[in-house]
C-alpha atoms as a PDB file:
ATOM      1  CA  MET A   1      -2.519  11.827  22.813  1.00  0.00           C
ATOM      2  CA  LYS A   2      -1.718   8.035  21.586  1.00  0.00           C
ATOM      3  CA  LYS A   3       0.921   8.198  18.798  1.00  0.00           C
ATOM      4  CA  ILE A   4       0.878   6.256  15.792  1.00  0.00           C
ATOM      5  CA  ALA A   5       2.996   5.299  12.867  1.00  0.00           C
ATOM      6  CA  PHE A   6       1.184   5.299   9.669  1.00  0.00           C
ATOM      7  CA  PHE A   7       3.456   3.392   6.805  1.00  0.00           C
ATOM      8  CA  ASP A   8       3.165   3.344   2.886  1.00  0.00           C
ATOM      9  CA  ALA A   9       1.353   6.493   3.325  1.00  0.00           C
ATOM     10  CA  LYS A  10      -0.573   8.077   0.153  1.00  0.00           C
ATOM     11  CA  PRO A  11      -2.218  11.493   0.005  1.00  0.00           C
ATOM     12  CA  TYR A  12      -5.438  10.609  -0.666  1.00  0.00           C
ATOM     13  CA  ASP A  13      -5.004   8.350   2.428  1.00  0.00           C
ATOM     14  CA  ARG A  14      -3.730  11.495   4.245  1.00  0.00           C
ATOM     15  CA  GLN A  15      -6.743  13.393   3.066  1.00  0.00           C
ATOM     16  CA  HIS A  16      -9.397  11.296   4.060  1.00  0.00           C
ATOM     17  CA  PHE A  17      -7.603  10.060   7.458  1.00  0.00           C
ATOM     18  CA  ASP A  18      -6.755  13.476   8.583  1.00  0.00           C
ATOM     19  CA  ALA A  19     -10.590  14.755   8.118  1.00  0.00           C
ATOM     20  CA  ILE A  20     -11.884  12.680  10.562  1.00  0.00           C
ATOM     21  CA  ASN A  21      -9.273  11.910  13.108  1.00  0.00           C
ATOM     22  CA  PRO A  22     -10.441  11.743  16.671  1.00  0.00           C
ATOM     23  CA  GLY A  23      -6.917  13.070  18.265  1.00  0.00           C
ATOM     24  CA  TYR A  24      -4.783  11.363  17.318  1.00  0.00           C
ATOM     25  CA  ARG A  25      -1.258  12.272  16.877  1.00  0.00           C
ATOM     26  CA  ILE A  26      -0.203  10.405  12.922  1.00  0.00           C
ATOM     27  CA  VAL A  27       3.354  10.209  12.079  1.00  0.00           C
ATOM     28  CA  TYR A  28       3.057   9.672   7.956  1.00  0.00           C
ATOM     29  CA  TYR A  29       5.619   7.658   6.030  1.00  0.00           C
ATOM     30  CA  ASP A  30       5.306   7.044   2.572  1.00  0.00           C
ATOM     31  CA  VAL A  31       7.822   4.025   2.912  1.00  0.00           C
ATOM     32  CA  HIS A  32       6.359   0.578   3.395  1.00  0.00           C
ATOM     33  CA  LEU A  33       6.903  -0.856   6.607  1.00  0.00           C
ATOM     34  CA  ASN A  34       9.305  -3.947   7.042  1.00  0.00           C
ATOM     35  CA  LYS A  35      12.184  -4.989   8.719  1.00  0.00           C
ATOM     36  CA  ASP A  36      14.267  -1.722   7.721  1.00  0.00           C
ATOM     37  CA  THR A  37      11.295   0.595   8.645  1.00  0.00           C
ATOM     38  CA  ALA A  38      10.021  -0.597  11.574  1.00  0.00           C
ATOM     39  CA  PRO A  39      12.269   1.245  13.359  1.00  0.00           C
ATOM     40  CA  LEU A  40      10.337   4.974  12.594  1.00  0.00           C
ATOM     41  CA  ALA A  41       7.865   3.638  14.627  1.00  0.00           C
ATOM     42  CA  ARG A  42       9.753   4.187  17.261  1.00  0.00           C
ATOM     43  CA  GLY A  43       7.514   6.326  20.633  1.00  0.00           C
ATOM     44  CA  CYS A  44       4.291   5.018  18.626  1.00  0.00           C
ATOM     45  CA  GLN A  45       2.007   2.700  20.888  1.00  0.00           C
ATOM     46  CA  ALA A  46       0.747   1.434  17.389  1.00  0.00           C
ATOM     47  CA  ALA A  47       1.261   1.247  13.876  1.00  0.00           C
ATOM     48  CA  CYS A  48      -0.990   1.251  10.910  1.00  0.00           C
ATOM     49  CA  ALA A  49      -0.459  -0.741   7.631  1.00  0.00           C
ATOM     50  CA  PHE A  50      -1.747  -1.305   4.778  1.00  0.00           C
ATOM     51  CA  VAL A  51      -1.976  -4.463   1.371  1.00  0.00           C
ATOM     52  CA  ASN A  52       2.018  -4.564   0.616  1.00  0.00           C
ATOM     53  CA  ASP A  53       3.499  -3.726   3.502  1.00  0.00           C
ATOM     54  CA  GLU A  54       5.343  -6.640   5.041  1.00  0.00           C
ATOM     55  CA  VAL A  55       4.651  -7.908   8.905  1.00  0.00           C
ATOM     56  CA  ASP A  56       6.934 -10.716   9.211  1.00  0.00           C
ATOM     57  CA  LYS A  57       8.260 -12.259  12.618  1.00  0.00           C
ATOM     58  CA  ASP A  58      11.347  -9.734  12.457  1.00  0.00           C
ATOM     59  CA  VAL A  59       8.713  -6.628  11.541  1.00  0.00           C
ATOM     60  CA  ILE A  60       6.640  -8.122  14.471  1.00  0.00           C
ATOM     61  CA  ASP A  61       9.543  -8.534  17.017  1.00  0.00           C
ATOM     62  CA  ALA A  62      10.659  -4.420  15.782  1.00  0.00           C
ATOM     63  CA  LEU A  63       7.392  -3.561  16.392  1.00  0.00           C
ATOM     64  CA  VAL A  64       7.076  -4.430  20.084  1.00  0.00           C
ATOM     65  CA  GLU A  65      10.629  -3.205  20.661  1.00  0.00           C
ATOM     66  CA  GLU A  66       9.929   0.016  20.198  1.00  0.00           C
ATOM     67  CA  GLY A  67       6.909   0.249  21.831  1.00  0.00           C
ATOM     68  CA  CYS A  68       3.674  -1.067  19.394  1.00  0.00           C
ATOM     69  CA  THR A  69       1.196  -3.037  21.286  1.00  0.00           C
ATOM     70  CA  PHE A  70      -1.526  -2.871  18.106  1.00  0.00           C
ATOM     71  CA  LEU A  71      -1.615  -2.996  14.221  1.00  0.00           C
ATOM     72  CA  ALA A  72      -4.084  -1.545  12.416  1.00  0.00           C
ATOM     73  CA  LEU A  73      -4.528  -2.902   8.941  1.00  0.00           C
ATOM     74  CA  ARG A  74      -6.477  -0.313   6.481  1.00  0.00           C
ATOM     75  CA  CYS A  75      -7.181  -3.036   4.177  1.00  0.00           C
ATOM     76  CA  ALA A  76      -9.757  -6.311   4.024  1.00  0.00           C
ATOM     77  CA  GLY A  77      -6.501  -9.037   3.555  1.00  0.00           C
ATOM     78  CA  PHE A  78      -4.052 -10.192   5.763  1.00  0.00           C
ATOM     79  CA  SER A  79      -1.916 -12.722   4.862  1.00  0.00           C
ATOM     80  CA  ASN A  80       1.117 -10.596   4.292  1.00  0.00           C
ATOM     81  CA  VAL A  81       1.244 -10.924   8.432  1.00  0.00           C
ATOM     82  CA  ASP A  82       2.495 -13.681  10.518  1.00  0.00           C
ATOM     83  CA  LEU A  83      -0.651 -14.474  12.351  1.00  0.00           C
ATOM     84  CA  GLN A  84       0.681 -17.265  14.359  1.00  0.00           C
ATOM     85  CA  TYR A  85       3.743 -15.634  15.335  1.00  0.00           C
ATOM     86  CA  ALA A  86       2.123 -12.248  16.109  1.00  0.00           C
ATOM     87  CA  LYS A  87      -0.584 -13.675  18.777  1.00  0.00           C
ATOM     88  CA  GLY A  88       0.778 -13.330  22.572  1.00  0.00           C
ATOM     89  CA  LYS A  89       3.229 -10.426  20.919  1.00  0.00           C
ATOM     90  CA  LEU A  90       0.896  -7.975  18.599  1.00  0.00           C
ATOM     91  CA  THR A  91      -3.010  -7.305  18.282  1.00  0.00           C
ATOM     92  CA  ILE A  92      -3.891  -6.780  14.892  1.00  0.00           C
ATOM     93  CA  ALA A  93      -6.900  -5.904  13.541  1.00  0.00           C
ATOM     94  CA  ARG A  94      -8.459  -5.150   9.907  1.00  0.00           C
ATOM     95  CA  VAL A  95     -11.035  -3.384   7.699  1.00  0.00           C
ATOM     96  CA  PRO A  96     -13.500  -6.000   6.940  1.00  0.00           C
ATOM     97  CA  ALA A  97     -15.305  -4.449   4.760  1.00  0.00           C
ATOM     98  CA  TYR A  98     -15.557  -0.967   3.034  1.00  0.00           C
ATOM     99  CA  SER A  99     -17.137  -0.572  -0.566  1.00  0.00           C
ATOM    100  CA  PRO A 100     -17.776  -3.767  -2.187  1.00  0.00           C
ATOM    101  CA  HIS A 101     -19.827  -1.992  -4.663  1.00  0.00           C
ATOM    102  CA  ALA A 102     -16.059  -0.440  -5.208  1.00  0.00           C
ATOM    103  CA  VAL A 103     -14.533  -3.048  -5.989  1.00  0.00           C
ATOM    104  CA  ALA A 104     -16.883  -4.766  -8.806  1.00  0.00           C
ATOM    105  CA  GLU A 105     -17.330  -2.101 -10.173  1.00  0.00           C
ATOM    106  CA  PHE A 106     -14.278  -1.976 -11.341  1.00  0.00           C
ATOM    107  CA  ALA A 107     -13.860  -5.369 -12.232  1.00  0.00           C
ATOM    108  CA  PHE A 108     -16.956  -4.989 -14.720  1.00  0.00           C
ATOM    109  CA  ALA A 109     -15.103  -1.955 -15.670  1.00  0.00           C
ATOM    110  CA  LEU A 110     -11.850  -4.028 -16.256  1.00  0.00           C
ATOM    111  CA  LEU A 111     -13.816  -6.374 -18.467  1.00  0.00           C
ATOM    112  CA  LEU A 112     -15.887  -3.882 -20.538  1.00  0.00           C
ATOM    113  CA  THR A 113     -12.553  -2.513 -21.174  1.00  0.00           C
ATOM    114  CA  VAL A 114     -10.573  -5.356 -22.490  1.00  0.00           C
ATOM    115  CA  ASN A 115     -13.897  -6.801 -24.379  1.00  0.00           C
ATOM    116  CA  ARG A 116     -14.816  -3.289 -26.086  1.00  0.00           C
ATOM    117  CA  LYS A 117     -11.392  -2.023 -26.124  1.00  0.00           C
ATOM    118  CA  THR A 118     -12.077   1.566 -24.623  1.00  0.00           C
ATOM    119  CA  HIS A 119      -8.566   2.040 -24.011  1.00  0.00           C
ATOM    120  CA  LYS A 120      -7.229   1.723 -27.311  1.00  0.00           C
ATOM    121  CA  ALA A 121      -9.983   3.799 -28.746  1.00  0.00           C
ATOM    122  CA  TYR A 122      -9.058   6.070 -26.673  1.00  0.00           C
ATOM    123  CA  ILE A 123      -5.951   6.287 -27.599  1.00  0.00           C
ATOM    124  CA  ARG A 124      -5.889   6.075 -31.638  1.00  0.00           C
ATOM    125  CA  THR A 125      -8.907   9.120 -31.531  1.00  0.00           C
ATOM    126  CA  ARG A 126      -6.696  11.341 -29.479  1.00  0.00           C
ATOM    127  CA  ASP A 127      -3.829  10.757 -32.870  1.00  0.00           C
ATOM    128  CA  PHE A 128      -6.687  11.411 -34.683  1.00  0.00           C
ATOM    129  CA  ASN A 129      -6.969   7.878 -35.650  1.00  0.00           C
ATOM    130  CA  PHE A 130     -10.227   6.543 -36.577  1.00  0.00           C
ATOM    131  CA  SER A 131      -9.937   3.289 -37.813  1.00  0.00           C
ATOM    132  CA  LEU A 132     -12.406   0.491 -36.048  1.00  0.00           C
ATOM    133  CA  VAL A 133      -9.943  -2.354 -37.112  1.00  0.00           C
ATOM    134  CA  ASN A 134      -9.188  -4.560 -34.171  1.00  0.00           C
ATOM    135  CA  LEU A 135     -11.810  -2.475 -32.202  1.00  0.00           C
ATOM    136  CA  ILE A 136     -13.827  -5.760 -32.415  1.00  0.00           C
ATOM    137  CA  GLY A 137     -15.500  -7.060 -28.815  1.00  0.00           C
ATOM    138  CA  THR A 138     -18.461  -9.525 -27.715  1.00  0.00           C
ATOM    139  CA  ASP A 139     -21.511  -8.884 -26.423  1.00  0.00           C
ATOM    140  CA  LEU A 140     -22.487  -9.758 -22.726  1.00  0.00           C
ATOM    141  CA  TYR A 141     -25.610  -9.964 -23.020  1.00  0.00           C
ATOM    142  CA  GLY A 142     -26.780 -13.932 -22.905  1.00  0.00           C
ATOM    143  CA  LYS A 143     -22.960 -14.904 -21.883  1.00  0.00           C
ATOM    144  CA  THR A 144     -22.210 -17.046 -18.651  1.00  0.00           C
ATOM    145  CA  ALA A 145     -20.047 -15.344 -15.995  1.00  0.00           C
ATOM    146  CA  GLY A 146     -18.325 -17.259 -13.420  1.00  0.00           C
ATOM    147  CA  VAL A 147     -18.115 -15.753 -10.216  1.00  0.00           C
ATOM    148  CA  ILE A 148     -15.175 -17.620  -7.847  1.00  0.00           C
ATOM    149  CA  GLY A 149     -16.145 -16.591  -4.117  1.00  0.00           C
ATOM    150  CA  THR A 150     -19.172 -15.181  -3.071  1.00  0.00           C
ATOM    151  CA  GLY A 151     -18.748 -12.497  -0.055  1.00  0.00           C
ATOM    152  CA  ARG A 152     -19.617  -9.407  -0.533  1.00  0.00           C
ATOM    153  CA  ILE A 153     -17.696  -8.138  -3.382  1.00  0.00           C
ATOM    154  CA  GLY A 154     -18.571 -11.372  -5.204  1.00  0.00           C
ATOM    155  CA  GLN A 155     -22.628 -10.660  -4.385  1.00  0.00           C
ATOM    156  CA  ALA A 156     -21.902  -7.246  -5.788  1.00  0.00           C
ATOM    157  CA  PHE A 157     -20.149  -8.418  -9.112  1.00  0.00           C
ATOM    158  CA  ILE A 158     -23.094 -10.604  -9.811  1.00  0.00           C
ATOM    159  CA  GLN A 159     -25.674  -8.260  -9.464  1.00  0.00           C
ATOM    160  CA  ILE A 160     -24.192  -6.074 -11.836  1.00  0.00           C
ATOM    161  CA  CYS A 161     -23.737  -9.459 -14.323  1.00  0.00           C
ATOM    162  CA  LYS A 162     -27.575  -9.938 -13.924  1.00  0.00           C
ATOM    163  CA  GLY A 163     -28.197  -6.224 -14.834  1.00  0.00           C
ATOM    164  CA  PHE A 164     -26.333  -6.821 -18.092  1.00  0.00           C
ATOM    165  CA  GLY A 165     -28.298 -10.017 -18.482  1.00  0.00           C
ATOM    166  CA  MET A 166     -25.761 -12.809 -18.407  1.00  0.00           C
ATOM    167  CA  ASN A 167     -26.466 -15.936 -16.665  1.00  0.00           C
ATOM    168  CA  VAL A 168     -23.663 -16.496 -13.679  1.00  0.00           C
ATOM    169  CA  LEU A 169     -22.308 -19.924 -11.968  1.00  0.00           C
ATOM    170  CA  THR A 170     -20.354 -19.413  -9.111  1.00  0.00           C
ATOM    171  CA  TYR A 171     -17.870 -21.673  -6.783  1.00  0.00           C
ATOM    172  CA  ASP A 172     -17.136 -21.372  -3.279  1.00  0.00           C
ATOM    173  CA  PRO A 173     -16.367 -23.591  -0.193  1.00  0.00           C
ATOM    174  CA  HIS A 174     -19.165 -21.924   1.338  1.00  0.00           C
ATOM    175  CA  PRO A 175     -21.658 -21.647  -1.003  1.00  0.00           C
ATOM    176  CA  VAL A 176     -24.099 -18.663  -0.856  1.00  0.00           C
ATOM    177  CA  GLN A 177     -27.815 -19.016  -2.095  1.00  0.00           C
ATOM    178  CA  ILE A 178     -28.461 -16.352  -4.317  1.00  0.00           C
ATOM    179  CA  ASP A 179     -31.903 -15.770  -6.587  1.00  0.00           C
ATOM    180  CA  GLY A 180     -31.348 -16.756  -9.841  1.00  0.00           C
ATOM    181  CA  VAL A 181     -27.568 -17.910  -9.937  1.00  0.00           C
ATOM    182  CA  GLN A 182     -26.597 -21.299  -9.935  1.00  0.00           C
ATOM    183  CA  ALA A 183     -23.991 -23.121  -7.536  1.00  0.00           C
ATOM    184  CA  VAL A 184     -21.871 -25.606  -9.257  1.00  0.00           C
ATOM    185  CA  GLU A 185     -17.908 -27.056  -8.518  1.00  0.00           C
ATOM    186  CA  LEU A 186     -15.061 -25.672  -9.482  1.00  0.00           C
ATOM    187  CA  ASP A 187     -14.672 -27.864 -13.145  1.00  0.00           C
ATOM    188  CA  GLU A 188     -17.832 -27.027 -13.820  1.00  0.00           C
ATOM    189  CA  LEU A 189     -17.586 -23.364 -13.323  1.00  0.00           C
ATOM    190  CA  LEU A 190     -14.379 -23.882 -15.911  1.00  0.00           C
ATOM    191  CA  ALA A 191     -15.958 -24.921 -18.313  1.00  0.00           C
ATOM    192  CA  LYS A 192     -18.964 -22.866 -18.602  1.00  0.00           C
ATOM    193  CA  SER A 193     -17.717 -19.714 -17.995  1.00  0.00           C
ATOM    194  CA  ASP A 194     -17.402 -16.740 -20.596  1.00  0.00           C
ATOM    195  CA  VAL A 195     -15.699 -14.860 -17.858  1.00  0.00           C
ATOM    196  CA  ILE A 196     -14.084 -15.693 -15.090  1.00  0.00           C
ATOM    197  CA  SER A 197     -14.327 -13.275 -12.280  1.00  0.00           C
ATOM    198  CA  LEU A 198     -11.690 -13.811  -8.992  1.00  0.00           C
ATOM    199  CA  HIS A 199     -13.226 -12.646  -5.600  1.00  0.00           C
ATOM    200  CA  CYS A 200     -12.185 -14.487  -3.206  1.00  0.00           C
ATOM    201  CA  PRO A 201      -9.370 -14.255  -0.469  1.00  0.00           C
ATOM    202  CA  LEU A 202      -5.799 -15.490  -0.546  1.00  0.00           C
ATOM    203  CA  THR A 203      -5.389 -18.857   1.263  1.00  0.00           C
ATOM    204  CA  PRO A 204      -3.327 -21.804   0.822  1.00  0.00           C
ATOM    205  CA  GLU A 205      -6.244 -23.071  -0.371  1.00  0.00           C
ATOM    206  CA  THR A 206      -6.544 -20.819  -2.910  1.00  0.00           C
ATOM    207  CA  ARG A 207      -2.874 -19.516  -4.043  1.00  0.00           C
ATOM    208  CA  HIS A 208      -2.794 -20.567  -7.947  1.00  0.00           C
ATOM    209  CA  ILE A 209      -6.333 -21.570  -7.944  1.00  0.00           C
ATOM    210  CA  ILE A 210      -6.026 -20.317 -11.183  1.00  0.00           C
ATOM    211  CA  ASP A 211      -2.912 -22.333 -12.807  1.00  0.00           C
ATOM    212  CA  ALA A 212      -2.151 -24.459 -16.125  1.00  0.00           C
ATOM    213  CA  GLU A 213      -4.462 -27.083 -15.443  1.00  0.00           C
ATOM    214  CA  ALA A 214      -7.251 -24.768 -14.946  1.00  0.00           C
ATOM    215  CA  PHE A 215      -6.321 -22.981 -18.111  1.00  0.00           C
ATOM    216  CA  THR A 216      -7.035 -26.194 -20.057  1.00  0.00           C
ATOM    217  CA  LYS A 217     -10.241 -26.702 -18.794  1.00  0.00           C
ATOM    218  CA  MET A 218     -11.458 -23.296 -19.653  1.00  0.00           C
ATOM    219  CA  LYS A 219     -13.646 -22.231 -22.204  1.00  0.00           C
ATOM    220  CA  VAL A 220     -11.533 -21.138 -25.163  1.00  0.00           C
ATOM    221  CA  GLY A 221     -11.624 -16.950 -25.605  1.00  0.00           C
ATOM    222  CA  SER A 222     -13.006 -16.634 -22.205  1.00  0.00           C
ATOM    223  CA  PHE A 223     -12.346 -13.435 -20.100  1.00  0.00           C
ATOM    224  CA  LEU A 224      -9.986 -13.388 -16.988  1.00  0.00           C
ATOM    225  CA  ILE A 225     -10.711 -10.802 -14.506  1.00  0.00           C
ATOM    226  CA  ASN A 226      -8.744 -10.454 -11.282  1.00  0.00           C
ATOM    227  CA  THR A 227      -9.637  -7.877  -8.412  1.00  0.00           C
ATOM    228  CA  SER A 228      -8.775  -9.908  -5.461  1.00  0.00           C
ATOM    229  CA  ARG A 229      -5.197 -11.028  -5.101  1.00  0.00           C
ATOM    230  CA  GLY A 230      -2.650 -11.464  -7.480  1.00  0.00           C
ATOM    231  CA  ALA A 231      -1.254 -14.709  -6.206  1.00  0.00           C
ATOM    232  CA  LEU A 232      -4.392 -16.890  -7.027  1.00  0.00           C
ATOM    233  CA  VAL A 233      -3.128 -16.563 -10.341  1.00  0.00           C
ATOM    234  CA  ASP A 234      -0.189 -18.323 -11.982  1.00  0.00           C
ATOM    235  CA  THR A 235       1.413 -15.474 -13.980  1.00  0.00           C
ATOM    236  CA  GLY A 236       3.293 -17.898 -15.675  1.00  0.00           C
ATOM    237  CA  ALA A 237       0.097 -20.089 -16.675  1.00  0.00           C
ATOM    238  CA  LEU A 238      -1.738 -16.717 -17.312  1.00  0.00           C
ATOM    239  CA  LEU A 239       1.104 -15.567 -19.838  1.00  0.00           C
ATOM    240  CA  CYS A 240       1.068 -19.137 -21.604  1.00  0.00           C
ATOM    241  CA  ALA A 241      -2.719 -18.775 -22.012  1.00  0.00           C
ATOM    242  CA  LEU A 242      -2.407 -15.258 -23.998  1.00  0.00           C
ATOM    243  CA  ASN A 243       0.226 -16.695 -25.822  1.00  0.00           C
ATOM    244  CA  ASN A 244      -1.849 -20.240 -26.598  1.00  0.00           C
ATOM    245  CA  GLY A 245      -5.169 -18.436 -27.068  1.00  0.00           C
ATOM    246  CA  ILE A 246      -6.810 -19.745 -24.862  1.00  0.00           C
ATOM    247  CA  ILE A 247      -8.415 -16.975 -23.183  1.00  0.00           C
ATOM    248  CA  ARG A 248      -9.800 -14.085 -24.835  1.00  0.00           C
ATOM    249  CA  GLY A 249      -8.270 -11.426 -22.761  1.00  0.00           C
ATOM    250  CA  ALA A 250      -8.152  -9.983 -18.997  1.00  0.00           C
ATOM    251  CA  GLY A 251      -8.236  -7.810 -16.508  1.00  0.00           C
ATOM    252  CA  LEU A 252      -5.800  -7.905 -13.493  1.00  0.00           C
ATOM    253  CA  ASP A 253      -5.945  -5.122 -10.827  1.00  0.00           C
ATOM    254  CA  VAL A 254      -3.088  -6.922  -8.859  1.00  0.00           C
ATOM    255  CA  TYR A 255      -0.303  -9.162  -9.708  1.00  0.00           C
ATOM    256  CA  GLU A 256       1.730 -11.782  -7.731  1.00  0.00           C
ATOM    257  CA  GLU A 257       4.980  -9.930  -7.007  1.00  0.00           C
ATOM    258  CA  GLU A 258       2.839  -6.265  -6.678  1.00  0.00           C
ATOM    259  CA  ALA A 259       4.204  -5.078  -3.778  1.00  0.00           C
ATOM    260  CA  GLN A 260       7.482  -3.875  -5.322  1.00  0.00           C
ATOM    261  CA  TYR A 261       6.339  -1.737  -7.938  1.00  0.00           C
ATOM    262  CA  PHE A 262       2.164  -0.667  -7.145  1.00  0.00           C
ATOM    263  CA  TYR A 263       1.750   2.567  -5.818  1.00  0.00           C
ATOM    264  CA  GLU A 264       4.835   3.833  -7.173  1.00  0.00           C
ATOM    265  CA  ASP A 265       6.191   5.510  -9.919  1.00  0.00           C
ATOM    266  CA  LYS A 266       8.655   3.358 -12.073  1.00  0.00           C
ATOM    267  CA  SER A 267       8.633   5.318 -14.973  1.00  0.00           C
ATOM    268  CA  GLU A 268      11.914   6.061 -14.829  1.00  0.00           C
ATOM    269  CA  LYS A 269      13.187   2.688 -13.667  1.00  0.00           C
ATOM    270  CA  ILE A 270      14.100  -0.688 -15.861  1.00  0.00           C
ATOM    271  CA  ILE A 271      11.298  -3.099 -14.877  1.00  0.00           C
ATOM    272  CA  THR A 272      13.520  -6.165 -13.843  1.00  0.00           C
ATOM    273  CA  ASP A 273      10.282  -8.651 -13.391  1.00  0.00           C
ATOM    274  CA  ASP A 274      10.225 -10.168 -17.080  1.00  0.00           C
ATOM    275  CA  LYS A 275       6.737 -11.785 -16.352  1.00  0.00           C
ATOM    276  CA  LEU A 276       5.150  -8.021 -15.639  1.00  0.00           C
ATOM    277  CA  SER A 277       7.415  -6.769 -18.877  1.00  0.00           C
ATOM    278  CA  LEU A 278       5.817  -9.768 -20.604  1.00  0.00           C
ATOM    279  CA  LEU A 279       2.019  -9.192 -19.586  1.00  0.00           C
ATOM    280  CA  LEU A 280       2.359  -5.072 -19.949  1.00  0.00           C
ATOM    281  CA  THR A 281       3.132  -5.929 -23.508  1.00  0.00           C
ATOM    282  CA  LYS A 282       0.161  -8.233 -24.468  1.00  0.00           C
ATOM    283  CA  PRO A 283      -2.754  -6.302 -26.618  1.00  0.00           C
ATOM    284  CA  ASN A 284      -5.323  -8.364 -25.163  1.00  0.00           C
ATOM    285  CA  VAL A 285      -4.172  -7.533 -20.917  1.00  0.00           C
ATOM    286  CA  MET A 286      -5.525  -4.138 -19.259  1.00  0.00           C
ATOM    287  CA  LEU A 287      -3.500  -4.254 -16.104  1.00  0.00           C
ATOM    288  CA  SER A 288      -4.155  -1.468 -13.565  1.00  0.00           C
ATOM    289  CA  SER A 289      -2.053  -1.103 -10.129  1.00  0.00           C
ATOM    290  CA  HIS A 290      -4.404  -2.460  -7.047  1.00  0.00           C
ATOM    291  CA  GLN A 291      -6.769   0.455  -7.745  1.00  0.00           C
ATOM    292  CA  ALA A 292     -10.412  -1.159  -7.641  1.00  0.00           C
ATOM    293  CA  TYR A 293     -11.124   0.058  -4.206  1.00  0.00           C
ATOM    294  CA  LEU A 294      -9.931   4.082  -4.460  1.00  0.00           C
ATOM    295  CA  THR A 295     -13.483   5.537  -4.492  1.00  0.00           C
ATOM    296  CA  GLU A 296     -13.955   8.442  -1.792  1.00  0.00           C
ATOM    297  CA  GLU A 297     -16.874   6.405  -0.775  1.00  0.00           C
ATOM    298  CA  ALA A 298     -14.292   3.479   0.580  1.00  0.00           C
ATOM    299  CA  LEU A 299     -11.612   5.786   1.418  1.00  0.00           C
ATOM    300  CA  SER A 300     -14.010   7.148   3.869  1.00  0.00           C
ATOM    301  CA  ALA A 301     -14.793   4.419   5.325  1.00  0.00           C
ATOM    302  CA  ILE A 302     -11.333   2.550   5.435  1.00  0.00           C
ATOM    303  CA  ALA A 303     -10.561   5.518   7.536  1.00  0.00           C
ATOM    304  CA  ARG A 304     -13.453   5.152   9.830  1.00  0.00           C
ATOM    305  CA  THR A 305     -13.367   1.959  10.550  1.00  0.00           C
ATOM    306  CA  THR A 306      -9.206   2.191  11.352  1.00  0.00           C
ATOM    307  CA  TYR A 307     -10.280   4.666  13.825  1.00  0.00           C
ATOM    308  CA  GLU A 308     -13.215   2.312  15.293  1.00  0.00           C
ATOM    309  CA  ASN A 309     -10.336  -0.033  15.479  1.00  0.00           C
ATOM    310  CA  LEU A 310      -8.197   1.727  17.362  1.00  0.00           C
ATOM    311  CA  ASP A 311     -10.777   3.439  19.753  1.00  0.00           C
ATOM    312  CA  ALA A 312     -11.300   0.040  21.125  1.00  0.00           C
ATOM    313  CA  TRP A 313      -8.094  -1.318  21.417  1.00  0.00           C
ATOM    314  CA  PHE A 314      -7.344   1.738  23.820  1.00  0.00           C
ATOM    315  CA  ALA A 315     -10.527   2.020  25.541  1.00  0.00           C
ATOM    316  CA  SER A 316      -9.441  -2.180  26.424  1.00  0.00           C
ATOM    317  CA  LYS A 317     -12.915  -2.547  24.645  1.00  0.00           C
ATOM    318  CA  PRO A 318     -13.995  -5.726  22.252  1.00  0.00           C
ATOM    319  CA  LEU A 319     -12.427  -5.535  18.719  1.00  0.00           C
ATOM    320  CA  VAL A 320     -14.911  -6.641  16.622  1.00  0.00           C
ATOM    321  CA  ASN A 321     -12.495  -6.687  13.349  1.00  0.00           C
ATOM    322  CA  GLU A 322      -9.675  -8.818  15.301  1.00  0.00           C
ATOM    323  CA  VAL A 323      -8.123 -11.066  13.164  1.00  0.00           C
ATOM    324  CA  HIS A 324      -6.545 -14.454  14.634  1.00  0.00           C
ATOM    325  CA  ALA A 325      -3.684 -16.922  13.759  1.00  0.00           C
END
């Protein structure tokens, strides 16, 4: 029986992986994978990691030293992995798609929340405060949504926007033709969009794609939604844009420095990240902790594809989801 070290394991992970385990011995650890925790994989033939685990050269060396030949990423992104260093040492596969609808629906939920302030209304009425003051939103019908990234999630988000009667502009270095949608250059999208939603991977080219210069090009009073990767947005520039009233609000499910905070209960801790603390003080920011993917369907798909990747590796079959440098 092959033994797998499963890092950053949460109860919902265990539930869905245990439900369809085809016969692996899984050792669950609730800690992140990093150079200090990698030795926990001793005696395991593979390790399983998530989006905020650290897979740099030290971790790769440690995993290999402990006997791991394969790393199964149970996520789509791999910007946290040193693929160049892993080449020839550790084979890596990912879950390229699980439920694009889960993320797209959550992105639109963030937009609706930050626009119509339903979270504030809920808190008010719980305290028997039935005032409507400062709860004014704006119609989304007829507005323009700018979608950056037209992969599966971006396309699902576009369909929701169209269902709300919105016009849609897209920007993608590799544009996809979508009926009723106009592909434009980034500057035009920034200037014309009432809502900008990010659905692209984090690469050297997309890092801080929304920076101080980008905010100066945006329509005043627009919304920014990010359910992709935190580092797509320059947090300092976002704070300035919020302070200066350039954007009407932001819905964020990700944050640049989220790895040390997200997925954990930090309610009794002092948050030393001043930018994160400032974001949480803004009345027009809705921040959630990277939960856009979190549906029953997505969790089941992640477990299924992860096991398929493991099965293929141990059976010496082609790895359709392998990631390369």
